[in-house]
Amino acid sequence: MRESNGKWYVRFVVDGVEYSQPTGLEATERNKKKVQQMEAAARQLVREGKANLLRLAAIPFSEAAVQFLNWAEGEYSGDSRKTYLRIRSSFSYAQLFFGKAIVSAITTGHIDDFKSARRKMNIKEVSLRHDLHNLSIFWQYAVRKNWARENIIRSVSIPSGRDAVRMNVLSPEQERLYFANCKWMDRAAQFIPSPDQNGYRDLYDFMRLMIQQGTRPEELIELRKEDVDLTSVRVSIQSGKTEAARTPTAAYR
């Protein structure tokens, strides 16, 4: 039981899900017993699977997003830190778009408007896909917090993974131009004092290895000394996104 603006409210948790409900009763000692009876009745509804009869907790999206991001930072820590950072990046615009709108009042139509607004910003479909997936995680959290009845993102069309690809395949001309510039800058560095005279040569080798092996930049950046076997000329990718990526590959000499 809690008092707010002179009225009694009840709040309880069943199976890890929080429920809250205004009673409409004045916050007096005389009404305490009635409030306890109302709380018991509401709890019974939950146990009987009739939680939808309870009133949802009204909370602005901006406030809910702060709580959600605090939860996500703890939930996606350590090796999952990148997931949290992607969620935080997605919510930088979502918080502006939905603002003080009550979470339970946001509809699939509003999500469609969000998609339209994002596309007008000329973002790639893969970015929109990530935004919607992260909003889906938020709405799952909102259901558990009794802010929403259901995850409305399930009823929204999401760009397919096949279409939402962030990829730029270099043409032969672009490859030649890149490597030619690396060689030119490498030669120029011999006459210009620099703390890292091998920087441009490293860029040349890095790109050559990435093209020949089909790796992502971060997979090579995160390589450790023990991942490289010069005897058998093999490189083991330990941090790839997919299982297929995390396998030894033959390296070019």
Protein backbone atom coordinates (compact mmCIF):
# COMPACT_ATOMS: atom_id res chain seq x y z
CA MET A 1 0.00 0.00 0.00
CA ARG A 2 1.18 3.50 -0.73
CA GLU A 3 -0.23 6.99 -0.51
CA SER A 4 -0.20 9.39 -3.46
CA ASN A 5 -2.04 12.72 -3.64
CA GLY A 6 -4.17 11.75 -0.69
CA LYS A 7 -5.31 8.43 -2.23
CA TRP A 8 -4.40 4.81 -1.49
CA TYR A 9 -2.67 2.75 -4.19
CA VAL A 10 -1.79 -0.95 -4.11
CA ARG A 11 1.27 -2.51 -5.69
CA PHE A 12 2.34 -6.15 -5.58
CA VAL A 13 4.48 -8.69 -7.41
CA VAL A 14 3.41 -12.13 -8.68
CA ASP A 15 5.95 -14.42 -10.38
CA GLY A 16 8.37 -11.55 -10.85
CA VAL A 17 5.80 -9.25 -12.52
CA GLU A 18 4.83 -6.02 -10.81
CA TYR A 19 1.19 -4.88 -10.77
CA SER A 20 -0.20 -1.59 -9.49
CA GLN A 21 -3.72 -0.26 -9.14
CA PRO A 22 -5.31 2.94 -7.82
CA THR A 23 -8.09 2.32 -5.30
CA GLY A 24 -9.83 5.67 -5.48
CA LEU A 25 -10.10 5.65 -1.70
CA GLU A 26 -8.93 8.45 0.58
CA ALA A 27 -5.64 7.63 2.32
CA THR A 28 -7.11 7.32 5.81
CA GLU A 29 -6.70 4.72 8.54
CA ARG A 30 -10.41 3.96 8.20
CA ASN A 31 -9.95 2.85 4.57
CA LYS A 32 -6.92 0.63 5.18
CA LYS A 33 -8.95 -2.56 5.60
CA LYS A 34 -10.90 -1.91 2.38
CA VAL A 35 -7.64 -1.32 0.52
CA GLN A 36 -6.20 -4.59 1.82
CA GLN A 37 -9.31 -6.40 0.57
CA MET A 38 -8.95 -4.76 -2.85
CA GLU A 39 -5.27 -5.78 -3.00
CA ALA A 40 -6.17 -9.39 -2.17
CA ALA A 41 -8.89 -9.41 -4.86
CA ALA A 42 -6.50 -7.96 -7.47
CA ARG A 43 -3.83 -10.52 -6.58
CA GLN A 44 -6.40 -13.32 -7.00
CA LEU A 45 -7.25 -12.04 -10.48
CA VAL A 46 -3.58 -12.36 -11.42
CA ARG A 47 -3.39 -15.91 -10.09
CA GLU A 48 -6.49 -16.81 -12.13
CA GLY A 49 -4.90 -15.45 -15.30
CA LYS A 50 -7.16 -12.41 -15.43
CA ALA A 51 -4.46 -9.79 -14.97
CA ASN A 52 -5.81 -7.89 -17.99
CA LEU A 53 -8.63 -6.70 -15.73
CA LEU A 54 -6.12 -4.71 -13.73
CA ARG A 55 -5.43 -1.11 -14.60
CA LEU A 56 -2.04 -0.59 -16.24
CA ALA A 57 0.48 1.68 -14.57
CA ALA A 58 0.57 4.93 -16.57
CA ILE A 59 4.13 6.00 -17.28
CA PRO A 60 5.55 8.35 -19.96
CA PHE A 61 7.81 6.70 -22.52
CA SER A 62 10.66 9.07 -21.65
CA GLU A 63 10.57 7.98 -18.00
CA ALA A 64 10.08 4.30 -18.88
CA ALA A 65 13.02 4.45 -21.29
CA VAL A 66 15.36 5.64 -18.53
CA GLN A 67 14.35 2.72 -16.31
CA PHE A 68 14.65 0.32 -19.23
CA LEU A 69 18.14 1.51 -20.19
CA ASN A 70 19.29 1.17 -16.58
CA TRP A 71 17.99 -2.40 -16.61
CA ALA A 72 19.56 -3.13 -20.02
CA GLU A 73 22.96 -1.84 -18.90
CA GLY A 74 23.01 -4.45 -16.14
CA GLU A 75 21.37 -7.18 -18.22
CA TYR A 76 23.74 -6.80 -21.19
CA SER A 77 27.10 -6.37 -19.48
CA GLY A 78 30.45 -8.05 -20.02
CA ASP A 79 30.53 -9.90 -23.35
CA SER A 80 27.04 -8.53 -24.18
CA ARG A 81 28.12 -4.90 -23.76
CA LYS A 82 27.77 -4.24 -27.52
CA THR A 83 24.10 -5.24 -27.34
CA TYR A 84 23.49 -2.60 -24.67
CA LEU A 85 25.30 0.04 -26.72
CA ARG A 86 23.13 -0.76 -29.77
CA ILE A 87 20.00 -0.48 -27.61
CA ARG A 88 21.15 2.85 -26.18
CA SER A 89 21.89 4.15 -29.68
CA SER A 90 18.43 3.15 -30.92
CA PHE A 91 16.73 4.84 -27.98
CA SER A 92 18.46 8.17 -28.55
CA TYR A 93 15.85 8.89 -31.25
CA ALA A 94 12.98 6.83 -29.81
CA GLN A 95 13.01 8.94 -26.65
CA LEU A 96 12.70 12.11 -28.75
CA PHE A 97 9.96 10.66 -30.96
CA PHE A 98 7.66 9.20 -28.29
CA GLY A 99 8.55 11.75 -25.60
CA LYS A 100 5.93 11.96 -22.86
CA ALA A 101 3.43 9.65 -24.57
CA ILE A 102 2.05 7.10 -22.10
CA VAL A 103 3.49 3.67 -22.92
CA SER A 104 0.13 1.90 -22.73
CA ALA A 105 -1.37 4.45 -25.15
CA ILE A 106 1.23 3.86 -27.89
CA THR A 107 -0.23 1.80 -30.74
CA THR A 108 1.08 -0.03 -33.79
CA GLY A 109 0.03 3.03 -35.78
CA HIS A 110 2.44 5.13 -33.76
CA ILE A 111 5.18 2.58 -34.46
CA ASP A 112 4.42 2.90 -38.18
CA ASP A 113 4.83 6.66 -37.83
CA PHE A 114 8.14 6.05 -36.07
CA LYS A 115 9.30 3.87 -38.99
CA SER A 116 8.30 6.54 -41.48
CA ALA A 117 10.15 9.24 -39.55
CA ARG A 118 13.29 7.12 -39.37
CA ARG A 119 13.22 6.39 -43.10
CA LYS A 120 12.97 10.11 -43.82
CA MET A 121 16.32 10.41 -42.04
CA ASN A 122 17.79 8.26 -44.85
CA ILE A 123 18.96 5.52 -42.52
CA LYS A 124 19.66 2.04 -43.85
CA GLU A 125 17.03 -0.69 -43.46
CA VAL A 126 19.40 -2.62 -41.19
CA SER A 127 19.40 0.34 -38.77
CA LEU A 128 15.59 0.43 -38.77
CA ARG A 129 15.54 -3.33 -38.19
CA HIS A 130 17.80 -2.89 -35.15
CA ASP A 131 15.62 -0.05 -33.84
CA LEU A 132 12.48 -2.20 -34.01
CA HIS A 133 14.17 -5.22 -32.42
CA ASN A 134 15.35 -3.01 -29.56
CA LEU A 135 11.86 -1.56 -29.14
CA SER A 136 10.60 -5.14 -28.97
CA ILE A 137 12.95 -5.79 -26.05
CA PHE A 138 11.59 -2.65 -24.41
CA TRP A 139 7.96 -3.72 -24.82
CA GLN A 140 8.71 -7.14 -23.37
CA TYR A 141 10.13 -5.31 -20.36
CA ALA A 142 7.09 -3.00 -20.29
CA VAL A 143 4.73 -5.99 -20.09
CA ARG A 144 6.66 -7.36 -17.12
CA LYS A 145 6.46 -3.94 -15.44
CA ASN A 146 2.68 -3.73 -16.09
CA TRP A 147 3.12 -0.70 -18.35
CA ALA A 148 1.63 -2.47 -21.39
CA ARG A 149 -0.70 -5.37 -22.16
CA GLU A 150 1.40 -6.89 -24.92
CA ASN A 151 4.47 -6.50 -27.06
CA ILE A 152 2.97 -4.42 -29.89
CA ILE A 153 6.12 -4.75 -32.01
CA ARG A 154 5.03 -8.33 -32.80
CA SER A 155 2.27 -6.85 -34.97
CA VAL A 156 4.60 -4.49 -36.84
CA SER A 157 6.30 -5.26 -40.15
CA ILE A 158 10.09 -5.43 -39.65
CA PRO A 159 12.59 -5.30 -42.56
CA SER A 160 13.89 -8.79 -43.27
CA GLY A 161 17.45 -9.73 -42.47
CA ARG A 162 18.02 -10.48 -46.13
CA ASP A 163 17.08 -6.95 -47.20
CA ALA A 164 18.57 -5.19 -44.19
CA VAL A 165 22.22 -5.64 -45.00
CA ARG A 166 24.88 -3.03 -44.31
CA MET A 167 27.42 -3.98 -46.95
CA ASN A 168 29.52 -2.15 -49.49
CA VAL A 169 31.38 -4.43 -51.89
CA LEU A 170 34.48 -2.72 -53.22
CA SER A 171 34.85 -2.63 -56.98
CA PRO A 172 38.23 -3.63 -58.51
CA GLU A 173 38.82 0.05 -59.26
CA GLN A 174 38.23 1.02 -55.60
CA GLU A 175 40.59 -1.72 -54.41
CA ARG A 176 43.36 -0.54 -56.73
CA LEU A 177 42.85 3.08 -55.65
CA TYR A 178 42.99 2.16 -51.94
CA PHE A 179 46.18 0.10 -52.22
CA ALA A 180 47.84 2.63 -54.51
CA ASN A 181 47.25 5.38 -51.93
CA CYS A 182 48.58 3.17 -49.12
CA LYS A 183 51.79 2.63 -51.08
CA TRP A 184 52.11 6.33 -51.89
CA MET A 185 51.57 7.36 -48.24
CA ASP A 186 54.00 4.67 -47.09
CA ARG A 187 56.71 6.12 -49.33
CA ALA A 188 55.87 9.69 -48.27
CA ALA A 189 56.14 8.71 -44.59
CA GLN A 190 59.85 8.03 -45.10
CA PHE A 191 60.42 11.78 -45.51
CA ILE A 192 57.91 13.01 -42.90
CA PRO A 193 58.76 12.53 -39.19
CA SER A 194 56.08 10.36 -37.62
CA PRO A 195 55.81 8.34 -34.40
CA ASP A 196 54.54 5.39 -36.47
CA GLN A 197 56.40 5.06 -39.74
CA ASN A 198 54.73 1.69 -40.43
CA GLY A 199 51.15 3.00 -40.11
CA TYR A 200 50.35 3.07 -43.81
CA ARG A 201 51.99 -0.29 -44.43
CA ASP A 202 49.80 -1.69 -41.67
CA LEU A 203 46.69 -0.33 -43.41
CA TYR A 204 47.80 -1.98 -46.63
CA ASP A 205 48.36 -5.37 -44.98
CA PHE A 206 45.20 -5.10 -42.90
CA MET A 207 42.96 -4.51 -45.92
CA ARG A 208 44.71 -7.18 -47.98
CA LEU A 209 44.16 -9.77 -45.26
CA MET A 210 40.54 -8.71 -44.75
CA ILE A 211 39.73 -9.01 -48.45
CA GLN A 212 41.49 -12.35 -48.87
CA GLN A 213 39.91 -13.91 -45.76
CA GLY A 214 36.47 -12.28 -45.88
CA THR A 215 36.70 -11.15 -42.26
CA ARG A 216 35.14 -8.17 -40.53
CA PRO A 217 37.47 -5.37 -39.39
CA GLU A 218 36.84 -6.02 -35.68
CA GLU A 219 37.66 -9.73 -36.11
CA LEU A 220 41.19 -8.83 -37.20
CA ILE A 221 41.60 -5.99 -34.70
CA GLU A 222 40.75 -8.36 -31.82
CA LEU A 223 43.19 -11.07 -32.92
CA ARG A 224 45.59 -12.23 -30.21
CA LYS A 225 49.11 -13.52 -30.66
CA GLU A 226 48.01 -17.10 -29.88
CA ASP A 227 45.33 -16.91 -32.62
CA VAL A 228 48.01 -16.78 -35.34
CA ASP A 229 49.91 -19.96 -36.26
CA LEU A 230 52.73 -18.99 -38.62
CA THR A 231 53.89 -22.62 -38.93
CA SER A 232 50.67 -23.88 -40.49
CA VAL A 233 49.81 -20.43 -41.89
CA ARG A 234 46.42 -20.30 -40.16
CA VAL A 235 44.44 -17.64 -38.33
CA SER A 236 41.75 -18.50 -35.75
CA ILE A 237 38.89 -15.99 -35.44
CA GLN A 238 37.63 -16.10 -31.85
CA SER A 239 35.26 -13.14 -31.79
CA GLY A 240 33.18 -13.60 -34.95
CA LYS A 241 29.44 -12.90 -34.87
CA THR A 242 28.52 -16.35 -36.23
CA GLU A 243 29.78 -19.85 -35.51
CA ALA A 244 31.01 -20.10 -39.09
CA ALA A 245 33.19 -17.05 -38.55
CA ARG A 246 34.80 -18.53 -35.45
CA THR A 247 36.83 -21.17 -37.28
CA PRO A 248 40.47 -21.41 -38.37
CA THR A 249 41.10 -20.13 -41.88
CA ALA A 250 44.10 -20.50 -44.12
CA ALA A 251 46.03 -17.28 -44.41
CA TYR A 252 47.93 -15.96 -47.41
CA ARG A 253 51.66 -15.59 -46.99
